[in-house]
């Protein structure tokens, strides 16, 4: 059973990373062509998951990096298509809410 403090912690982390990396993406878009900033910001964001190597295997961390890179590109494309930062934030929140609230998590605080 997952306690509420754990859920709240992950929702706050989710919100913070979404806002920070979306703002970086928006700033970088103003500098150059579209494809390079999209790939660069999502590569930087997915590389942040290398910090997880201290507590999990390389295979799991690599999978997280690939998943994060792909989802970052999806969320970036949602922003470009809608020109609205709220749309990718809602998509991100919805995806992780399902994972946090519906899937069983065995980790404790």
N, C-alpha and C. Protein backbone atom coordinates (compact mmCIF):
# COMPACT_ATOMS: atom_id res chain seq x y z
N UNK A 1 0.85 -1.18 0.00
CA UNK A 1 0.00 0.00 0.00
C UNK A 1 0.89 1.24 0.00
N UNK A 2 0.58 2.17 -0.85
CA UNK A 2 1.35 3.40 -0.96
C UNK A 2 0.71 4.47 -0.09
N UNK A 3 1.53 5.12 0.74
CA UNK A 3 0.94 6.17 1.56
C UNK A 3 0.85 7.48 0.79
N UNK A 4 0.06 8.39 1.29
CA UNK A 4 -0.21 9.64 0.57
C UNK A 4 1.00 10.56 0.49
N UNK A 5 1.89 10.51 1.48
CA UNK A 5 3.10 11.35 1.41
C UNK A 5 3.94 10.97 0.20
N UNK A 6 4.04 9.68 -0.08
CA UNK A 6 4.80 9.21 -1.25
C UNK A 6 4.17 9.72 -2.53
N UNK A 7 2.85 9.65 -2.64
CA UNK A 7 2.14 10.13 -3.83
C UNK A 7 2.31 11.63 -4.01
N UNK A 8 2.17 12.37 -2.93
CA UNK A 8 2.30 13.83 -3.01
C UNK A 8 3.72 14.21 -3.42
N UNK A 9 4.71 13.52 -2.86
CA UNK A 9 6.11 13.79 -3.22
C UNK A 9 6.32 13.63 -4.72
N UNK A 10 5.83 12.54 -5.29
CA UNK A 10 6.03 12.29 -6.71
C UNK A 10 5.22 13.23 -7.59
N UNK A 11 4.06 13.65 -7.16
CA UNK A 11 3.28 14.63 -7.92
C UNK A 11 3.97 15.98 -7.94
N UNK A 12 4.59 16.38 -6.82
CA UNK A 12 5.33 17.64 -6.78
C UNK A 12 6.57 17.58 -7.66
N UNK A 13 7.27 16.45 -7.64
CA UNK A 13 8.43 16.28 -8.52
C UNK A 13 8.00 16.35 -9.98
N UNK A 14 6.91 15.69 -10.30
CA UNK A 14 6.37 15.70 -11.65
C UNK A 14 6.07 17.12 -12.11
N UNK A 15 5.38 17.88 -11.29
CA UNK A 15 5.02 19.26 -11.64
C UNK A 15 6.27 20.11 -11.83
N UNK A 16 7.22 20.00 -10.92
CA UNK A 16 8.44 20.80 -11.01
C UNK A 16 9.22 20.50 -12.29
N UNK A 17 9.45 19.21 -12.57
CA UNK A 17 10.24 18.87 -13.76
C UNK A 17 9.51 19.27 -15.03
N UNK A 18 8.20 19.12 -15.07
CA UNK A 18 7.44 19.50 -16.26
C UNK A 18 7.60 20.98 -16.54
N UNK A 19 7.40 21.80 -15.53
CA UNK A 19 7.49 23.25 -15.72
C UNK A 19 8.90 23.67 -16.09
N UNK A 20 9.90 23.18 -15.37
CA UNK A 20 11.29 23.58 -15.63
C UNK A 20 11.72 23.20 -17.04
N UNK A 21 11.51 21.95 -17.44
CA UNK A 21 11.98 21.54 -18.76
C UNK A 21 11.13 22.10 -19.89
N UNK A 22 9.87 22.38 -19.65
CA UNK A 22 9.07 23.06 -20.68
C UNK A 22 9.56 24.48 -20.87
N UNK A 23 9.90 25.16 -19.80
CA UNK A 23 10.42 26.52 -19.92
C UNK A 23 11.77 26.53 -20.65
N UNK A 24 12.62 25.56 -20.35
CA UNK A 24 13.89 25.46 -21.07
C UNK A 24 13.64 25.23 -22.56
N UNK A 25 12.70 24.34 -22.87
CA UNK A 25 12.38 24.05 -24.26
C UNK A 25 11.87 25.30 -24.97
N UNK A 26 10.97 26.03 -24.33
CA UNK A 26 10.42 27.25 -24.94
C UNK A 26 11.53 28.25 -25.18
N UNK A 27 12.45 28.42 -24.24
CA UNK A 27 13.56 29.35 -24.40
C UNK A 27 14.47 28.94 -25.55
N UNK A 28 14.79 27.65 -25.64
CA UNK A 28 15.70 27.17 -26.67
C UNK A 28 15.04 27.26 -28.05
N UNK A 29 13.72 27.12 -28.14
CA UNK A 29 13.03 27.25 -29.42
C UNK A 29 13.28 28.60 -30.06
N UNK A 30 13.42 29.61 -29.23
CA UNK A 30 13.60 30.97 -29.75
C UNK A 30 15.00 31.17 -30.33
N UNK A 31 15.92 30.26 -30.03
CA UNK A 31 17.31 30.42 -30.45
C UNK A 31 17.57 29.81 -31.82
N UNK A 32 17.04 28.64 -32.09
CA UNK A 32 17.41 27.97 -33.33
C UNK A 32 16.27 27.21 -33.96
N UNK A 33 16.65 26.32 -34.86
CA UNK A 33 15.67 25.50 -35.56
C UNK A 33 15.00 24.55 -34.59
N UNK A 34 13.92 23.96 -35.00
CA UNK A 34 13.07 23.18 -34.10
C UNK A 34 13.66 21.83 -33.69
N UNK A 35 14.20 21.07 -34.59
CA UNK A 35 14.58 19.68 -34.30
C UNK A 35 15.74 19.60 -33.31
N UNK A 36 16.71 20.47 -33.44
CA UNK A 36 17.87 20.44 -32.54
C UNK A 36 17.48 20.74 -31.10
N UNK A 37 16.70 21.81 -30.84
CA UNK A 37 16.30 22.05 -29.46
C UNK A 37 15.42 20.94 -28.88
N UNK A 38 14.55 20.37 -29.69
CA UNK A 38 13.71 19.28 -29.21
C UNK A 38 14.57 18.12 -28.75
N UNK A 39 15.49 17.69 -29.59
CA UNK A 39 16.36 16.56 -29.25
C UNK A 39 17.28 16.89 -28.08
N UNK A 40 17.84 18.09 -28.09
CA UNK A 40 18.79 18.48 -27.05
C UNK A 40 18.13 18.55 -25.67
N UNK A 41 17.01 19.22 -25.55
CA UNK A 41 16.38 19.35 -24.24
C UNK A 41 15.89 18.01 -23.72
N UNK A 42 15.39 17.16 -24.61
CA UNK A 42 14.92 15.86 -24.16
C UNK A 42 16.07 14.92 -23.83
N UNK A 43 17.20 15.07 -24.50
CA UNK A 43 18.39 14.30 -24.15
C UNK A 43 18.90 14.71 -22.77
N UNK A 44 18.92 16.01 -22.51
CA UNK A 44 19.35 16.50 -21.20
C UNK A 44 18.41 15.99 -20.12
N UNK A 45 17.11 16.08 -20.37
CA UNK A 45 16.14 15.64 -19.38
C UNK A 45 16.24 14.14 -19.12
N UNK A 46 16.37 13.36 -20.18
CA UNK A 46 16.46 11.91 -19.98
C UNK A 46 17.77 11.54 -19.28
N UNK A 47 18.82 12.30 -19.53
CA UNK A 47 20.11 12.03 -18.88
C UNK A 47 20.05 12.28 -17.37
N UNK A 48 19.11 13.10 -16.94
CA UNK A 48 18.93 13.34 -15.51
C UNK A 48 18.62 12.03 -14.78
N UNK A 49 18.05 11.07 -15.48
CA UNK A 49 17.72 9.79 -14.86
C UNK A 49 18.95 8.92 -14.59
N UNK A 50 20.14 9.34 -15.07
CA UNK A 50 21.36 8.62 -14.73
C UNK A 50 21.62 8.65 -13.23
N UNK A 51 21.04 9.64 -12.54
CA UNK A 51 21.17 9.71 -11.09
C UNK A 51 20.57 8.48 -10.42
N UNK A 52 19.65 7.80 -11.10
CA UNK A 52 19.01 6.61 -10.53
C UNK A 52 19.96 5.42 -10.48
N UNK A 53 21.12 5.51 -11.11
CA UNK A 53 22.06 4.39 -11.10
C UNK A 53 22.54 4.05 -9.69
N UNK A 54 22.42 4.99 -8.78
CA UNK A 54 22.85 4.70 -7.41
C UNK A 54 21.89 3.75 -6.69
N UNK A 55 20.67 3.61 -7.23
CA UNK A 55 19.69 2.77 -6.54
C UNK A 55 19.04 1.70 -7.42
N UNK A 56 19.43 1.61 -8.69
CA UNK A 56 18.85 0.60 -9.57
C UNK A 56 19.84 0.22 -10.66
N UNK A 57 19.52 -0.81 -11.42
CA UNK A 57 20.43 -1.34 -12.42
C UNK A 57 20.51 -0.45 -13.66
N UNK A 58 21.54 -0.67 -14.45
CA UNK A 58 21.74 0.06 -15.69
C UNK A 58 20.61 -0.22 -16.68
N UNK A 59 20.12 -1.44 -16.72
CA UNK A 59 19.05 -1.79 -17.66
C UNK A 59 17.77 -1.03 -17.34
N UNK A 60 17.40 -0.98 -16.08
CA UNK A 60 16.19 -0.25 -15.68
C UNK A 60 16.37 1.25 -15.94
N UNK A 61 17.54 1.78 -15.60
CA UNK A 61 17.81 3.19 -15.83
C UNK A 61 17.80 3.51 -17.32
N UNK A 62 18.40 2.66 -18.13
CA UNK A 62 18.39 2.86 -19.59
C UNK A 62 16.97 2.86 -20.13
N UNK A 63 16.14 1.97 -19.63
CA UNK A 63 14.74 1.94 -20.05
C UNK A 63 14.02 3.22 -19.67
N UNK A 64 14.30 3.72 -18.47
CA UNK A 64 13.69 4.99 -18.04
C UNK A 64 14.14 6.13 -18.94
N UNK A 65 15.41 6.12 -19.31
CA UNK A 65 15.92 7.20 -20.17
C UNK A 65 15.26 7.18 -21.54
N UNK A 66 15.10 5.99 -22.11
CA UNK A 66 14.46 5.88 -23.42
C UNK A 66 13.00 6.31 -23.33
N UNK A 67 12.31 5.85 -22.29
CA UNK A 67 10.91 6.22 -22.11
C UNK A 67 10.78 7.73 -21.91
N UNK A 68 11.62 8.30 -21.08
CA UNK A 68 11.56 9.73 -20.80
C UNK A 68 11.87 10.55 -22.05
N UNK A 69 12.84 10.12 -22.82
CA UNK A 69 13.19 10.82 -24.07
C UNK A 69 12.00 10.82 -25.03
N UNK A 70 11.38 9.66 -25.21
CA UNK A 70 10.24 9.56 -26.12
C UNK A 70 9.05 10.36 -25.65
N UNK A 71 8.75 10.27 -24.36
CA UNK A 71 7.61 11.03 -23.84
C UNK A 71 7.89 12.52 -23.89
N UNK A 72 9.13 12.91 -23.68
CA UNK A 72 9.49 14.32 -23.78
C UNK A 72 9.27 14.86 -25.18
N UNK A 73 9.62 14.06 -26.18
CA UNK A 73 9.37 14.47 -27.56
C UNK A 73 7.87 14.59 -27.81
N UNK A 74 7.10 13.63 -27.31
CA UNK A 74 5.64 13.69 -27.45
C UNK A 74 5.08 14.95 -26.81
N UNK A 75 5.49 15.24 -25.58
CA UNK A 75 4.97 16.42 -24.89
C UNK A 75 5.41 17.71 -25.59
N UNK A 76 6.62 17.73 -26.11
CA UNK A 76 7.10 18.89 -26.84
C UNK A 76 6.28 19.10 -28.10
N UNK A 77 5.99 18.02 -28.81
CA UNK A 77 5.16 18.13 -30.02
C UNK A 77 3.75 18.59 -29.68
N UNK A 78 3.22 18.15 -28.54
CA UNK A 78 1.90 18.64 -28.11
C UNK A 78 1.94 20.15 -27.90
N UNK A 79 3.02 20.62 -27.29
CA UNK A 79 3.15 22.06 -27.07
C UNK A 79 3.24 22.81 -28.40
N UNK A 80 4.06 22.31 -29.31
CA UNK A 80 4.22 22.98 -30.61
C UNK A 80 2.89 23.01 -31.36
N UNK A 81 2.18 21.91 -31.32
CA UNK A 81 0.90 21.80 -32.05
C UNK A 81 -0.16 22.73 -31.47
N UNK A 82 -0.24 22.81 -30.15
CA UNK A 82 -1.31 23.59 -29.52
C UNK A 82 -0.89 25.00 -29.13
N UNK A 83 0.42 25.25 -29.04
CA UNK A 83 0.95 26.53 -28.55
C UNK A 83 0.39 26.86 -27.16
N UNK A 84 0.20 25.82 -26.36
CA UNK A 84 -0.37 25.97 -25.04
C UNK A 84 0.37 25.03 -24.09
N UNK A 85 1.00 25.57 -23.07
CA UNK A 85 1.79 24.78 -22.14
C UNK A 85 0.93 23.87 -21.27
N UNK A 86 -0.33 24.23 -21.10
CA UNK A 86 -1.22 23.45 -20.25
C UNK A 86 -1.49 22.06 -20.85
N UNK A 87 -1.57 21.94 -22.17
CA UNK A 87 -1.91 20.67 -22.81
C UNK A 87 -0.87 19.58 -22.49
N UNK A 88 0.44 19.80 -22.71
CA UNK A 88 1.38 18.75 -22.33
C UNK A 88 1.45 18.52 -20.82
N UNK A 89 1.18 19.54 -20.04
CA UNK A 89 1.18 19.36 -18.59
C UNK A 89 0.03 18.44 -18.17
N UNK A 90 -1.14 18.61 -18.79
CA UNK A 90 -2.28 17.75 -18.48
C UNK A 90 -1.99 16.33 -18.94
N UNK A 91 -1.40 16.18 -20.12
CA UNK A 91 -1.05 14.84 -20.62
C UNK A 91 -0.05 14.16 -19.68
N UNK A 92 0.96 14.90 -19.25
CA UNK A 92 1.98 14.36 -18.35
C UNK A 92 1.37 13.98 -17.01
N UNK A 93 0.57 14.89 -16.46
CA UNK A 93 -0.08 14.64 -15.18
C UNK A 93 -1.00 13.41 -15.25
N UNK A 94 -1.76 13.31 -16.33
CA UNK A 94 -2.69 12.19 -16.50
C UNK A 94 -1.94 10.87 -16.57
N UNK A 95 -0.89 10.82 -17.37
CA UNK A 95 -0.11 9.60 -17.51
C UNK A 95 0.47 9.14 -16.18
N UNK A 96 1.09 10.05 -15.46
CA UNK A 96 1.72 9.67 -14.20
C UNK A 96 0.72 9.47 -13.08
N UNK A 97 -0.40 10.14 -13.14
CA UNK A 97 -1.44 9.90 -12.14
C UNK A 97 -1.94 8.47 -12.23
N UNK A 98 -2.11 7.99 -13.43
CA UNK A 98 -2.54 6.61 -13.62
C UNK A 98 -1.50 5.67 -13.03
N UNK A 99 -0.24 5.94 -13.31
CA UNK A 99 0.83 5.07 -12.80
C UNK A 99 0.92 5.14 -11.27
N UNK A 100 0.78 6.32 -10.70
CA UNK A 100 0.96 6.48 -9.26
C UNK A 100 -0.23 5.94 -8.48
N UNK A 101 -1.44 6.19 -8.96
CA UNK A 101 -2.62 5.85 -8.19
C UNK A 101 -3.20 4.47 -8.48
N UNK A 102 -2.97 3.95 -9.68
CA UNK A 102 -3.60 2.68 -10.03
C UNK A 102 -2.67 1.48 -9.98
N UNK A 103 -1.41 1.69 -10.24
CA UNK A 103 -0.48 0.55 -10.23
C UNK A 103 0.04 0.33 -8.82
N UNK A 104 0.19 -0.91 -8.42
CA UNK A 104 0.70 -1.16 -7.07
C UNK A 104 2.19 -0.82 -6.99
N UNK A 105 2.54 -0.09 -5.96
CA UNK A 105 3.93 0.29 -5.74
C UNK A 105 4.34 -0.26 -4.38
N UNK A 106 5.46 -0.95 -4.34
CA UNK A 106 5.88 -1.60 -3.11
C UNK A 106 6.92 -0.80 -2.34
N UNK A 107 7.40 0.31 -2.92
CA UNK A 107 8.43 1.10 -2.26
C UNK A 107 7.80 1.93 -1.14
N UNK A 108 8.52 2.06 -0.05
CA UNK A 108 8.04 2.88 1.07
C UNK A 108 8.88 4.13 1.14
N UNK A 109 8.48 5.05 2.05
CA UNK A 109 9.22 6.31 2.22
C UNK A 109 10.63 6.04 2.55
